[in-house]
Amino acid sequence: PCVRIAVMDKLVIRGGKPLKGEVHIS
């Protein structure tokens, strides 16, 4: 029988820039 294989979503991070800003940590 045909089996569907779920494709996982992925995070693509393109760096090369300094990070800045604020994040509230719960």
mmCIF file of all heavy atoms, coordinates in Angstrom:
data_MODEL
# 
_entry.id   MODEL 
# 
loop_
_atom_site.group_PDB 
_atom_site.id 
_atom_site.type_symbol 
_atom_site.label_atom_id 
_atom_site.label_alt_id 
_atom_site.label_comp_id 
_atom_site.label_asym_id 
_atom_site.label_entity_id 
_atom_site.label_seq_id 
_atom_site.pdbx_PDB_ins_code 
_atom_site.Cartn_x 
_atom_site.Cartn_y 
_atom_site.Cartn_z 
_atom_site.occupancy 
_atom_site.B_iso_or_equiv 
_atom_site.pdbx_formal_charge 
_atom_site.auth_seq_id 
_atom_site.auth_comp_id 
_atom_site.auth_asym_id 
_atom_site.auth_atom_id 
_atom_site.pdbx_PDB_model_num 
ATOM 1   N N   . PRO A 1 1  ? 0.834  -1.203 0.000  1.00 0.00 ? 1  PRO A N   1 
ATOM 2   C CA  . PRO A 1 1  ? 0.000  0.000  0.000  1.00 0.00 ? 1  PRO A CA  1 
ATOM 3   C C   . PRO A 1 1  ? 0.866  1.249  0.000  1.00 0.00 ? 1  PRO A C   1 
ATOM 4   O O   . PRO A 1 1  ? 1.984  1.257  0.508  1.00 0.00 ? 1  PRO A O   1 
ATOM 5   C CB  . PRO A 1 1  ? -0.801 -0.126 1.301  1.00 0.00 ? 1  PRO A CB  1 
ATOM 6   C CG  . PRO A 1 1  ? 0.012  -1.022 2.163  1.00 0.00 ? 1  PRO A CG  1 
ATOM 7   C CD  . PRO A 1 1  ? 0.690  -1.994 1.230  1.00 0.00 ? 1  PRO A CD  1 
ATOM 8   N N   . CYS A 1 2  ? 0.336  2.295  -0.568 1.00 0.00 ? 2  CYS A N   1 
ATOM 9   C CA  . CYS A 1 2  ? 1.059  3.562  -0.625 1.00 0.00 ? 2  CYS A CA  1 
ATOM 10  C C   . CYS A 1 2  ? 1.195  4.139  0.779  1.00 0.00 ? 2  CYS A C   1 
ATOM 11  O O   . CYS A 1 2  ? 0.241  4.193  1.536  1.00 0.00 ? 2  CYS A O   1 
ATOM 12  C CB  . CYS A 1 2  ? 0.304  4.533  -1.534 1.00 0.00 ? 2  CYS A CB  1 
ATOM 13  S SG  . CYS A 1 2  ? 1.072  6.169  -1.611 1.00 0.00 ? 2  CYS A SG  1 
ATOM 14  N N   . VAL A 1 3  ? 2.400  4.503  1.147  1.00 0.00 ? 3  VAL A N   1 
ATOM 15  C CA  . VAL A 1 3  ? 2.667  5.068  2.464  1.00 0.00 ? 3  VAL A CA  1 
ATOM 16  C C   . VAL A 1 3  ? 3.103  6.516  2.293  1.00 0.00 ? 3  VAL A C   1 
ATOM 17  O O   . VAL A 1 3  ? 4.057  6.810  1.568  1.00 0.00 ? 3  VAL A O   1 
ATOM 18  C CB  . VAL A 1 3  ? 3.757  4.268  3.204  1.00 0.00 ? 3  VAL A CB  1 
ATOM 19  C CG1 . VAL A 1 3  ? 4.059  4.914  4.545  1.00 0.00 ? 3  VAL A CG1 1 
ATOM 20  C CG2 . VAL A 1 3  ? 3.333  2.820  3.371  1.00 0.00 ? 3  VAL A CG2 1 
ATOM 21  N N   . ARG A 1 4  ? 2.384  7.406  2.945  1.00 0.00 ? 4  ARG A N   1 
ATOM 22  C CA  . ARG A 1 4  ? 2.747  8.812  2.883  1.00 0.00 ? 4  ARG A CA  1 
ATOM 23  C C   . ARG A 1 4  ? 3.821  9.111  3.939  1.00 0.00 ? 4  ARG A C   1 
ATOM 24  O O   . ARG A 1 4  ? 3.682  8.722  5.087  1.00 0.00 ? 4  ARG A O   1 
ATOM 25  C CB  . ARG A 1 4  ? 1.525  9.699  3.142  1.00 0.00 ? 4  ARG A CB  1 
ATOM 26  C CG  . ARG A 1 4  ? 0.487  9.644  2.024  1.00 0.00 ? 4  ARG A CG  1 
ATOM 27  C CD  . ARG A 1 4  ? -0.661 10.594 2.338  1.00 0.00 ? 4  ARG A CD  1 
ATOM 28  N NE  . ARG A 1 4  ? -1.641 10.587 1.284  1.00 0.00 ? 4  ARG A NE  1 
ATOM 29  C CZ  . ARG A 1 4  ? -1.595 11.388 0.225  1.00 0.00 ? 4  ARG A CZ  1 
ATOM 30  N NH1 . ARG A 1 4  ? -0.591 12.242 0.099  1.00 0.00 ? 4  ARG A NH1 1 
ATOM 31  N NH2 . ARG A 1 4  ? -2.535 11.341 -0.703 1.00 0.00 ? 4  ARG A NH2 1 
ATOM 32  N N   . ILE A 1 5  ? 4.856  9.740  3.542  1.00 0.00 ? 5  ILE A N   1 
ATOM 33  C CA  . ILE A 1 5  ? 5.927  10.105 4.464  1.00 0.00 ? 5  ILE A CA  1 
ATOM 34  C C   . ILE A 1 5  ? 5.841  11.606 4.701  1.00 0.00 ? 5  ILE A C   1 
ATOM 35  O O   . ILE A 1 5  ? 5.950  12.408 3.773  1.00 0.00 ? 5  ILE A O   1 
ATOM 36  C CB  . ILE A 1 5  ? 7.308  9.723  3.892  1.00 0.00 ? 5  ILE A CB  1 
ATOM 37  C CG1 . ILE A 1 5  ? 7.379  8.201  3.658  1.00 0.00 ? 5  ILE A CG1 1 
ATOM 38  C CG2 . ILE A 1 5  ? 8.420  10.172 4.844  1.00 0.00 ? 5  ILE A CG2 1 
ATOM 39  C CD1 . ILE A 1 5  ? 8.667  7.765  3.025  1.00 0.00 ? 5  ILE A CD1 1 
ATOM 40  N N   . ALA A 1 6  ? 5.613  11.956 5.944  1.00 0.00 ? 6  ALA A N   1 
ATOM 41  C CA  . ALA A 1 6  ? 5.489  13.372 6.287  1.00 0.00 ? 6  ALA A CA  1 
ATOM 42  C C   . ALA A 1 6  ? 6.850  14.043 6.194  1.00 0.00 ? 6  ALA A C   1 
ATOM 43  O O   . ALA A 1 6  ? 7.851  13.529 6.685  1.00 0.00 ? 6  ALA A O   1 
ATOM 44  C CB  . ALA A 1 6  ? 4.918  13.534 7.692  1.00 0.00 ? 6  ALA A CB  1 
ATOM 45  N N   . VAL A 1 7  ? 6.894  15.161 5.519  1.00 0.00 ? 7  VAL A N   1 
ATOM 46  C CA  . VAL A 1 7  ? 8.126  15.923 5.398  1.00 0.00 ? 7  VAL A CA  1 
ATOM 47  C C   . VAL A 1 7  ? 8.180  16.944 6.525  1.00 0.00 ? 7  VAL A C   1 
ATOM 48  O O   . VAL A 1 7  ? 7.273  17.760 6.681  1.00 0.00 ? 7  VAL A O   1 
ATOM 49  C CB  . VAL A 1 7  ? 8.204  16.626 4.025  1.00 0.00 ? 7  VAL A CB  1 
ATOM 50  C CG1 . VAL A 1 7  ? 9.496  17.437 3.932  1.00 0.00 ? 7  VAL A CG1 1 
ATOM 51  C CG2 . VAL A 1 7  ? 8.121  15.603 2.904  1.00 0.00 ? 7  VAL A CG2 1 
ATOM 52  N N   . MET A 1 8  ? 9.221  16.849 7.331  1.00 0.00 ? 8  MET A N   1 
ATOM 53  C CA  . MET A 1 8  ? 9.340  17.752 8.472  1.00 0.00 ? 8  MET A CA  1 
ATOM 54  C C   . MET A 1 8  ? 9.631  19.161 7.994  1.00 0.00 ? 8  MET A C   1 
ATOM 55  O O   . MET A 1 8  ? 10.390 19.371 7.041  1.00 0.00 ? 8  MET A O   1 
ATOM 56  C CB  . MET A 1 8  ? 10.467 17.282 9.392  1.00 0.00 ? 8  MET A CB  1 
ATOM 57  C CG  . MET A 1 8  ? 10.231 15.910 10.003 1.00 0.00 ? 8  MET A CG  1 
ATOM 58  S SD  . MET A 1 8  ? 8.901  15.929 11.207 1.00 0.00 ? 8  MET A SD  1 
ATOM 59  C CE  . MET A 1 8  ? 9.644  16.878 12.502 1.00 0.00 ? 8  MET A CE  1 
ATOM 60  N N   . ASP A 1 9  ? 9.011  20.155 8.644  1.00 0.00 ? 9  ASP A N   1 
ATOM 61  C CA  . ASP A 1 9  ? 9.375  21.533 8.380  1.00 0.00 ? 9  ASP A CA  1 
ATOM 62  C C   . ASP A 1 9  ? 10.792 21.781 8.892  1.00 0.00 ? 9  ASP A C   1 
ATOM 63  O O   . ASP A 1 9  ? 11.284 21.061 9.760  1.00 0.00 ? 9  ASP A O   1 
ATOM 64  C CB  . ASP A 1 9  ? 8.411  22.487 9.094  1.00 0.00 ? 9  ASP A CB  1 
ATOM 65  C CG  . ASP A 1 9  ? 7.029  22.469 8.468  1.00 0.00 ? 9  ASP A CG  1 
ATOM 66  O OD1 . ASP A 1 9  ? 6.929  22.128 7.287  1.00 0.00 ? 9  ASP A OD1 1 
ATOM 67  O OD2 . ASP A 1 9  ? 6.053  22.779 9.184  1.00 0.00 ? 9  ASP A OD2 1 
ATOM 68  N N   . LYS A 1 10 ? 11.450 22.758 8.375  1.00 0.00 ? 10 LYS A N   1 
ATOM 69  C CA  . LYS A 1 10 ? 12.809 23.037 8.803  1.00 0.00 ? 10 LYS A CA  1 
ATOM 70  C C   . LYS A 1 10 ? 13.012 24.537 8.976  1.00 0.00 ? 10 LYS A C   1 
ATOM 71  O O   . LYS A 1 10 ? 12.293 25.361 8.399  1.00 0.00 ? 10 LYS A O   1 
ATOM 72  C CB  . LYS A 1 10 ? 13.824 22.492 7.800  1.00 0.00 ? 10 LYS A CB  1 
ATOM 73  C CG  . LYS A 1 10 ? 13.697 23.070 6.400  1.00 0.00 ? 10 LYS A CG  1 
ATOM 74  C CD  . LYS A 1 10 ? 14.696 22.428 5.453  1.00 0.00 ? 10 LYS A CD  1 
ATOM 75  C CE  . LYS A 1 10 ? 14.540 22.972 4.023  1.00 0.00 ? 10 LYS A CE  1 
ATOM 76  N NZ  . LYS A 1 10 ? 15.485 22.318 3.096  1.00 0.00 ? 10 LYS A NZ  1 
ATOM 77  N N   . LEU A 1 11 ? 13.965 24.856 9.795  1.00 0.00 ? 11 LEU A N   1 
ATOM 78  C CA  . LEU A 1 11 ? 14.343 26.240 10.008 1.00 0.00 ? 11 LEU A CA  1 
ATOM 79  C C   . LEU A 1 11 ? 15.605 26.522 9.200  1.00 0.00 ? 11 LEU A C   1 
ATOM 80  O O   . LEU A 1 11 ? 16.598 25.806 9.323  1.00 0.00 ? 11 LEU A O   1 
ATOM 81  C CB  . LEU A 1 11 ? 14.611 26.515 11.490 1.00 0.00 ? 11 LEU A CB  1 
ATOM 82  C CG  . LEU A 1 11 ? 13.414 26.385 12.441 1.00 0.00 ? 11 LEU A CG  1 
ATOM 83  C CD1 . LEU A 1 11 ? 13.882 26.561 13.880 1.00 0.00 ? 11 LEU A CD1 1 
ATOM 84  C CD2 . LEU A 1 11 ? 12.352 27.415 12.112 1.00 0.00 ? 11 LEU A CD2 1 
ATOM 85  N N   . VAL A 1 12 ? 15.564 27.531 8.379  1.00 0.00 ? 12 VAL A N   1 
ATOM 86  C CA  . VAL A 1 12 ? 16.732 27.944 7.603  1.00 0.00 ? 12 VAL A CA  1 
ATOM 87  C C   . VAL A 1 12 ? 17.203 29.283 8.156  1.00 0.00 ? 12 VAL A C   1 
ATOM 88  O O   . VAL A 1 12 ? 16.472 30.271 8.126  1.00 0.00 ? 12 VAL A O   1 
ATOM 89  C CB  . VAL A 1 12 ? 16.401 28.065 6.101  1.00 0.00 ? 12 VAL A CB  1 
ATOM 90  C CG1 . VAL A 1 12 ? 17.638 28.519 5.326  1.00 0.00 ? 12 VAL A CG1 1 
ATOM 91  C CG2 . VAL A 1 12 ? 15.889 26.728 5.562  1.00 0.00 ? 12 VAL A CG2 1 
ATOM 92  N N   . ILE A 1 13 ? 18.404 29.303 8.683  1.00 0.00 ? 13 ILE A N   1 
ATOM 93  C CA  . ILE A 1 13 ? 18.948 30.516 9.294  1.00 0.00 ? 13 ILE A CA  1 
ATOM 94  C C   . ILE A 1 13 ? 20.108 31.011 8.446  1.00 0.00 ? 13 ILE A C   1 
ATOM 95  O O   . ILE A 1 13 ? 21.084 30.291 8.239  1.00 0.00 ? 13 ILE A O   1 
ATOM 96  C CB  . ILE A 1 13 ? 19.414 30.244 10.737 1.00 0.00 ? 13 ILE A CB  1 
ATOM 97  C CG1 . ILE A 1 13 ? 18.240 29.725 11.581 1.00 0.00 ? 13 ILE A CG1 1 
ATOM 98  C CG2 . ILE A 1 13 ? 20.020 31.498 11.359 1.00 0.00 ? 13 ILE A CG2 1 
ATOM 99  C CD1 . ILE A 1 13 ? 18.618 29.293 12.964 1.00 0.00 ? 13 ILE A CD1 1 
ATOM 100 N N   . ARG A 1 14 ? 19.983 32.198 7.955  1.00 0.00 ? 14 ARG A N   1 
ATOM 101 C CA  . ARG A 1 14 ? 21.047 32.826 7.175  1.00 0.00 ? 14 ARG A CA  1 
ATOM 102 C C   . ARG A 1 14 ? 21.717 33.881 8.057  1.00 0.00 ? 14 ARG A C   1 
ATOM 103 O O   . ARG A 1 14 ? 21.133 34.892 8.379  1.00 0.00 ? 14 ARG A O   1 
ATOM 104 C CB  . ARG A 1 14 ? 20.487 33.450 5.899  1.00 0.00 ? 14 ARG A CB  1 
ATOM 105 C CG  . ARG A 1 14 ? 19.904 32.418 4.934  1.00 0.00 ? 14 ARG A CG  1 
ATOM 106 C CD  . ARG A 1 14 ? 19.413 33.060 3.644  1.00 0.00 ? 14 ARG A CD  1 
ATOM 107 N NE  . ARG A 1 14 ? 18.942 32.057 2.694  1.00 0.00 ? 14 ARG A NE  1 
ATOM 108 C CZ  . ARG A 1 14 ? 17.709 31.567 2.660  1.00 0.00 ? 14 ARG A CZ  1 
ATOM 109 N NH1 . ARG A 1 14 ? 16.815 31.994 3.536  1.00 0.00 ? 14 ARG A NH1 1 
ATOM 110 N NH2 . ARG A 1 14 ? 17.372 30.662 1.767  1.00 0.00 ? 14 ARG A NH2 1 
ATOM 111 N N   . GLY A 1 15 ? 22.938 33.589 8.445  1.00 0.00 ? 15 GLY A N   1 
ATOM 112 C CA  . GLY A 1 15 ? 23.661 34.461 9.354  1.00 0.00 ? 15 GLY A CA  1 
ATOM 113 C C   . GLY A 1 15 ? 24.408 35.557 8.637  1.00 0.00 ? 15 GLY A C   1 
ATOM 114 O O   . GLY A 1 15 ? 24.039 35.993 7.554  1.00 0.00 ? 15 GLY A O   1 
ATOM 115 N N   . GLY A 1 16 ? 25.502 35.970 9.259  1.00 0.00 ? 16 GLY A N   1 
ATOM 116 C CA  . GLY A 1 16 ? 26.328 37.006 8.658  1.00 0.00 ? 16 GLY A CA  1 
ATOM 117 C C   . GLY A 1 16 ? 26.000 38.401 9.124  1.00 0.00 ? 16 GLY A C   1 
ATOM 118 O O   . GLY A 1 16 ? 26.629 39.371 8.685  1.00 0.00 ? 16 GLY A O   1 
ATOM 119 N N   . LYS A 1 17 ? 25.015 38.539 10.016 1.00 0.00 ? 17 LYS A N   1 
ATOM 120 C CA  . LYS A 1 17 ? 24.646 39.861 10.516 1.00 0.00 ? 17 LYS A CA  1 
ATOM 121 C C   . LYS A 1 17 ? 24.641 39.832 12.045 1.00 0.00 ? 17 LYS A C   1 
ATOM 122 O O   . LYS A 1 17 ? 24.231 38.841 12.646 1.00 0.00 ? 17 LYS A O   1 
ATOM 123 C CB  . LYS A 1 17 ? 23.265 40.277 10.007 1.00 0.00 ? 17 LYS A CB  1 
ATOM 124 C CG  . LYS A 1 17 ? 23.169 40.437 8.491  1.00 0.00 ? 17 LYS A CG  1 
ATOM 125 C CD  . LYS A 1 17 ? 21.776 40.889 8.083  1.00 0.00 ? 17 LYS A CD  1 
ATOM 126 C CE  . LYS A 1 17 ? 21.698 41.068 6.571  1.00 0.00 ? 17 LYS A CE  1 
ATOM 127 N NZ  . LYS A 1 17 ? 20.333 41.511 6.135  1.00 0.00 ? 17 LYS A NZ  1 
ATOM 128 N N   . PRO A 1 18 ? 25.084 40.884 12.687 1.00 0.00 ? 18 PRO A N   1 
ATOM 129 C CA  . PRO A 1 18 ? 25.051 40.917 14.158 1.00 0.00 ? 18 PRO A CA  1 
ATOM 130 C C   . PRO A 1 18 ? 23.620 40.941 14.662 1.00 0.00 ? 18 PRO A C   1 
ATOM 131 O O   . PRO A 1 18 ? 22.752 41.584 14.072 1.00 0.00 ? 18 PRO A O   1 
ATOM 132 C CB  . PRO A 1 18 ? 25.790 42.216 14.502 1.00 0.00 ? 18 PRO A CB  1 
ATOM 133 C CG  . PRO A 1 18 ? 25.655 43.069 13.280 1.00 0.00 ? 18 PRO A CG  1 
ATOM 134 C CD  . PRO A 1 18 ? 25.649 42.124 12.114 1.00 0.00 ? 18 PRO A CD  1 
ATOM 135 N N   . LEU A 1 19 ? 23.375 40.226 15.766 1.00 0.00 ? 19 LEU A N   1 
ATOM 136 C CA  . LEU A 1 19 ? 22.046 40.179 16.359 1.00 0.00 ? 19 LEU A CA  1 
ATOM 137 C C   . LEU A 1 19 ? 21.845 41.360 17.298 1.00 0.00 ? 19 LEU A C   1 
ATOM 138 O O   . LEU A 1 19 ? 22.768 41.777 18.001 1.00 0.00 ? 19 LEU A O   1 
ATOM 139 C CB  . LEU A 1 19 ? 21.851 38.869 17.122 1.00 0.00 ? 19 LEU A CB  1 
ATOM 140 C CG  . LEU A 1 19 ? 21.994 37.579 16.308 1.00 0.00 ? 19 LEU A CG  1 
ATOM 141 C CD1 . LEU A 1 19 ? 21.820 36.368 17.210 1.00 0.00 ? 19 LEU A CD1 1 
ATOM 142 C CD2 . LEU A 1 19 ? 20.999 37.544 15.168 1.00 0.00 ? 19 LEU A CD2 1 
ATOM 143 N N   . LYS A 1 20 ? 20.647 41.883 17.333 1.00 0.00 ? 20 LYS A N   1 
ATOM 144 C CA  . LYS A 1 20 ? 20.324 42.955 18.257 1.00 0.00 ? 20 LYS A CA  1 
ATOM 145 C C   . LYS A 1 20 ? 18.834 42.922 18.550 1.00 0.00 ? 20 LYS A C   1 
ATOM 146 O O   . LYS A 1 20 ? 18.049 42.330 17.817 1.00 0.00 ? 20 LYS A O   1 
ATOM 147 C CB  . LYS A 1 20 ? 20.725 44.308 17.678 1.00 0.00 ? 20 LYS A CB  1 
ATOM 148 C CG  . LYS A 1 20 ? 20.019 44.688 16.386 1.00 0.00 ? 20 LYS A CG  1 
ATOM 149 C CD  . LYS A 1 20 ? 20.501 46.034 15.883 1.00 0.00 ? 20 LYS A CD  1 
ATOM 150 C CE  . LYS A 1 20 ? 19.783 46.419 14.584 1.00 0.00 ? 20 LYS A CE  1 
ATOM 151 N NZ  . LYS A 1 20 ? 20.215 47.754 14.108 1.00 0.00 ? 20 LYS A NZ  1 
ATOM 152 N N   . GLY A 1 21 ? 18.435 43.535 19.645 1.00 0.00 ? 21 GLY A N   1 
ATOM 153 C CA  . GLY A 1 21 ? 17.031 43.558 20.036 1.00 0.00 ? 21 GLY A CA  1 
ATOM 154 C C   . GLY A 1 21 ? 16.829 42.971 21.411 1.00 0.00 ? 21 GLY A C   1 
ATOM 155 O O   . GLY A 1 21 ? 17.780 42.628 22.115 1.00 0.00 ? 21 GLY A O   1 
ATOM 156 N N   . GLU A 1 22 ? 15.587 42.833 21.788 1.00 0.00 ? 22 GLU A N   1 
ATOM 157 C CA  . GLU A 1 22 ? 15.235 42.313 23.112 1.00 0.00 ? 22 GLU A CA  1 
ATOM 158 C C   . GLU A 1 22 ? 14.229 41.178 22.987 1.00 0.00 ? 22 GLU A C   1 
ATOM 159 O O   . GLU A 1 22 ? 13.331 41.223 22.140 1.00 0.00 ? 22 GLU A O   1 
ATOM 160 C CB  . GLU A 1 22 ? 14.632 43.421 23.986 1.00 0.00 ? 22 GLU A CB  1 
ATOM 161 C CG  . GLU A 1 22 ? 15.591 44.563 24.283 1.00 0.00 ? 22 GLU A CG  1 
ATOM 162 C CD  . GLU A 1 22 ? 14.966 45.619 25.175 1.00 0.00 ? 22 GLU A CD  1 
ATOM 163 O OE1 . GLU A 1 22 ? 13.766 45.466 25.509 1.00 0.00 ? 22 GLU A OE1 1 
ATOM 164 O OE2 . GLU A 1 22 ? 15.663 46.576 25.529 1.00 0.00 ? 22 GLU A OE2 1 
ATOM 165 N N   . VAL A 1 23 ? 14.395 40.182 23.820 1.00 0.00 ? 23 VAL A N   1 
ATOM 166 C CA  . VAL A 1 23 ? 13.489 39.037 23.858 1.00 0.00 ? 23 VAL A CA  1 
ATOM 167 C C   . VAL A 1 23 ? 13.082 38.799 25.302 1.00 0.00 ? 23 VAL A C   1 
ATOM 168 O O   . VAL A 1 23 ? 13.947 38.742 26.187 1.00 0.00 ? 23 VAL A O   1 
ATOM 169 C CB  . VAL A 1 23 ? 14.153 37.756 23.289 1.00 0.00 ? 23 VAL A CB  1 
ATOM 170 C CG1 . VAL A 1 23 ? 13.203 36.570 23.404 1.00 0.00 ? 23 VAL A CG1 1 
ATOM 171 C CG2 . VAL A 1 23 ? 14.565 37.958 21.837 1.00 0.00 ? 23 VAL A CG2 1 
ATOM 172 N N   . HIS A 1 24 ? 11.798 38.691 25.541 1.00 0.00 ? 24 HIS A N   1 
ATOM 173 C CA  . HIS A 1 24 ? 11.314 38.388 26.899 1.00 0.00 ? 24 HIS A CA  1 
ATOM 174 C C   . HIS A 1 24 ? 11.352 36.878 27.109 1.00 0.00 ? 24 HIS A C   1 
ATOM 175 O O   . HIS A 1 24 ? 10.767 36.122 26.337 1.00 0.00 ? 24 HIS A O   1 
ATOM 176 C CB  . HIS A 1 24 ? 9.883  38.891 27.107 1.00 0.00 ? 24 HIS A CB  1 
ATOM 177 C CG  . HIS A 1 24 ? 9.308  38.493 28.424 1.00 0.00 ? 24 HIS A CG  1 
ATOM 178 N ND1 . HIS A 1 24 ? 9.708  39.056 29.620 1.00 0.00 ? 24 HIS A ND1 1 
ATOM 179 C CD2 . HIS A 1 24 ? 8.372  37.555 28.741 1.00 0.00 ? 24 HIS A CD2 1 
ATOM 180 C CE1 . HIS A 1 24 ? 9.046  38.486 30.616 1.00 0.00 ? 24 HIS A CE1 1 
ATOM 181 N NE2 . HIS A 1 24 ? 8.229  37.581 30.107 1.00 0.00 ? 24 HIS A NE2 1 
ATOM 182 N N   . ILE A 1 25 ? 12.072 36.447 28.119 1.00 0.00 ? 25 ILE A N   1 
ATOM 183 C CA  . ILE A 1 25 ? 12.182 35.018 28.430 1.00 0.00 ? 25 ILE A CA  1 
ATOM 184 C C   . ILE A 1 25 ? 11.169 34.676 29.510 1.00 0.00 ? 25 ILE A C   1 
ATOM 185 O O   . ILE A 1 25 ? 11.216 35.204 30.620 1.00 0.00 ? 25 ILE A O   1 
ATOM 186 C CB  . ILE A 1 25 ? 13.605 34.665 28.911 1.00 0.00 ? 25 ILE A CB  1 
ATOM 187 C CG1 . ILE A 1 25 ? 14.647 35.108 27.888 1.00 0.00 ? 25 ILE A CG1 1 
ATOM 188 C CG2 . ILE A 1 25 ? 13.701 33.170 29.171 1.00 0.00 ? 25 ILE A CG2 1 
ATOM 189 C CD1 . ILE A 1 25 ? 14.494 34.480 26.527 1.00 0.00 ? 25 ILE A CD1 1 
ATOM 190 N N   . SER A 1 26 ? 10.240 33.804 29.178 1.00 0.00 ? 26 SER A N   1 
ATOM 191 C CA  . SER A 1 26 ? 9.215  33.434 30.151 1.00 0.00 ? 26 SER A CA  1 
ATOM 192 C C   . SER A 1 26 ? 9.780  32.437 31.158 1.00 0.00 ? 26 SER A C   1 
ATOM 193 O O   . SER A 1 26 ? 10.775 31.776 30.899 1.00 0.00 ? 26 SER A O   1 
ATOM 194 C CB  . SER A 1 26 ? 8.000  32.845 29.435 1.00 0.00 ? 26 SER A CB  1 
ATOM 195 O OG  . SER A 1 26 ? 7.918  31.477 29.573 1.00 0.00 ? 26 SER A OG  1 
# 
